[in-house]
Amino acid sequence: HVKTVERIIGFRSGTGGSSGASFLRQALDLTFFPELFAVRTGLTSK
């Protein structure tokens, strides 16, 4: 998705005033609902 945004809008501001592709790149490091990741990890490690 990040590459698509870079190709379409370049490095201009994104919708909603975000910083566009750089915002998406930074969002890759965010983890939402870490509890769900922990449960998934527990289920797949068996």
N, C-alpha and C. Protein backbone atom coordinates (compact mmCIF):
# COMPACT_ATOMS: atom_id res chain seq x y z
N HIS A 1 0.82 -1.18 0.00
CA HIS A 1 0.00 0.00 0.00
C HIS A 1 0.87 1.26 0.00
N VAL A 2 1.94 1.21 0.75
CA VAL A 2 2.84 2.37 0.82
C VAL A 2 3.40 2.68 -0.57
N LYS A 3 3.85 1.66 -1.28
CA LYS A 3 4.40 1.88 -2.63
C LYS A 3 3.35 2.45 -3.57
N THR A 4 2.13 1.97 -3.47
CA THR A 4 1.05 2.49 -4.32
C THR A 4 0.83 3.97 -4.05
N VAL A 5 0.80 4.34 -2.78
CA VAL A 5 0.61 5.75 -2.42
C VAL A 5 1.78 6.59 -2.93
N GLU A 6 3.01 6.09 -2.77
CA GLU A 6 4.17 6.83 -3.27
C GLU A 6 4.06 7.05 -4.78
N ARG A 7 3.60 6.05 -5.50
CA ARG A 7 3.50 6.17 -6.96
C ARG A 7 2.38 7.10 -7.39
N ILE A 8 1.29 7.10 -6.64
CA ILE A 8 0.13 7.90 -7.05
C ILE A 8 0.24 9.36 -6.61
N ILE A 9 0.52 9.59 -5.31
CA ILE A 9 0.56 10.98 -4.84
C ILE A 9 1.97 11.47 -4.55
N GLY A 10 2.95 10.58 -4.69
CA GLY A 10 4.32 10.99 -4.38
C GLY A 10 4.47 11.23 -2.89
N PHE A 11 5.10 12.31 -2.53
CA PHE A 11 5.32 12.59 -1.12
C PHE A 11 4.51 13.80 -0.67
N ARG A 12 3.41 14.07 -1.40
CA ARG A 12 2.50 15.14 -1.00
C ARG A 12 1.67 14.70 0.19
N SER A 13 0.94 15.64 0.77
CA SER A 13 0.06 15.33 1.90
C SER A 13 -1.03 14.37 1.46
N GLY A 14 -1.40 13.50 2.39
CA GLY A 14 -2.45 12.53 2.10
C GLY A 14 -3.82 13.09 2.43
N THR A 15 -4.82 12.25 2.28
CA THR A 15 -6.17 12.67 2.63
C THR A 15 -6.26 12.88 4.12
N GLY A 16 -7.09 13.78 4.53
CA GLY A 16 -7.24 14.07 5.95
C GLY A 16 -6.07 14.85 6.52
N GLY A 17 -5.18 15.34 5.66
CA GLY A 17 -4.06 16.14 6.13
C GLY A 17 -2.88 15.34 6.65
N SER A 18 -2.90 14.02 6.46
CA SER A 18 -1.76 13.21 6.91
C SER A 18 -0.54 13.53 6.05
N SER A 19 0.60 13.02 6.47
CA SER A 19 1.82 13.28 5.69
C SER A 19 2.00 12.29 4.55
N GLY A 20 0.94 11.60 4.18
CA GLY A 20 0.96 10.72 3.02
C GLY A 20 1.75 9.45 3.23
N ALA A 21 2.65 9.16 2.30
CA ALA A 21 3.40 7.91 2.33
C ALA A 21 4.26 7.78 3.59
N SER A 22 4.82 8.88 4.05
CA SER A 22 5.65 8.78 5.26
C SER A 22 4.80 8.42 6.48
N PHE A 23 3.56 8.89 6.53
CA PHE A 23 2.65 8.50 7.61
C PHE A 23 2.39 6.99 7.56
N LEU A 24 2.13 6.47 6.37
CA LEU A 24 1.88 5.03 6.24
C LEU A 24 3.10 4.22 6.64
N ARG A 25 4.27 4.70 6.26
CA ARG A 25 5.51 3.99 6.60
C ARG A 25 5.69 3.94 8.13
N GLN A 26 5.40 5.05 8.81
CA GLN A 26 5.51 5.08 10.27
C GLN A 26 4.45 4.20 10.92
N ALA A 27 3.27 4.12 10.30
CA ALA A 27 2.18 3.32 10.86
C ALA A 27 2.49 1.83 10.84
N LEU A 28 3.44 1.40 10.01
CA LEU A 28 3.82 -0.01 9.97
C LEU A 28 4.39 -0.48 11.31
N ASP A 29 4.95 0.44 12.08
CA ASP A 29 5.54 0.08 13.36
C ASP A 29 4.53 0.05 14.50
N LEU A 30 3.30 0.48 14.26
CA LEU A 30 2.28 0.50 15.31
C LEU A 30 1.63 -0.87 15.44
N THR A 31 1.34 -1.26 16.67
CA THR A 31 0.62 -2.50 16.92
C THR A 31 -0.68 -2.17 17.64
N PHE A 32 -1.78 -2.42 16.98
CA PHE A 32 -3.08 -2.21 17.59
C PHE A 32 -3.55 -3.54 18.16
N PHE A 33 -4.19 -3.49 19.29
CA PHE A 33 -4.73 -4.68 19.94
C PHE A 33 -3.65 -5.75 20.16
N PRO A 34 -2.61 -5.43 20.93
CA PRO A 34 -1.53 -6.40 21.15
C PRO A 34 -2.02 -7.71 21.78
N GLU A 35 -3.14 -7.65 22.51
CA GLU A 35 -3.68 -8.86 23.11
C GLU A 35 -4.09 -9.87 22.04
N LEU A 36 -4.64 -9.37 20.93
CA LEU A 36 -5.04 -10.27 19.85
C LEU A 36 -3.82 -10.93 19.21
N PHE A 37 -2.73 -10.20 19.08
CA PHE A 37 -1.51 -10.78 18.53
C PHE A 37 -0.97 -11.85 19.48
N ALA A 38 -1.06 -11.59 20.79
CA ALA A 38 -0.58 -12.57 21.76
C ALA A 38 -1.40 -13.85 21.70
N VAL A 39 -2.72 -13.73 21.60
CA VAL A 39 -3.58 -14.90 21.50
C VAL A 39 -3.28 -15.67 20.22
N ARG A 40 -3.14 -14.97 19.12
CA ARG A 40 -2.84 -15.62 17.84
C ARG A 40 -1.52 -16.38 17.91
N THR A 41 -0.52 -15.75 18.53
CA THR A 41 0.78 -16.39 18.68
C THR A 41 0.65 -17.66 19.52
N GLY A 42 -0.13 -17.58 20.59
CA GLY A 42 -0.34 -18.74 21.45
C GLY A 42 -1.05 -19.87 20.73
N LEU A 43 -1.99 -19.53 19.88
CA LEU A 43 -2.74 -20.55 19.15
C LEU A 43 -1.90 -21.23 18.08
N THR A 44 -1.03 -20.48 17.45
CA THR A 44 -0.25 -21.05 16.34
C THR A 44 1.03 -21.74 16.81
N SER A 45 1.42 -21.55 18.06
CA SER A 45 2.66 -22.17 18.53
C SER A 45 2.44 -23.60 19.02
N LYS A 46 1.20 -24.06 19.04
CA LYS A 46 0.91 -25.43 19.51
C LYS A 46 1.08 -26.44 18.42
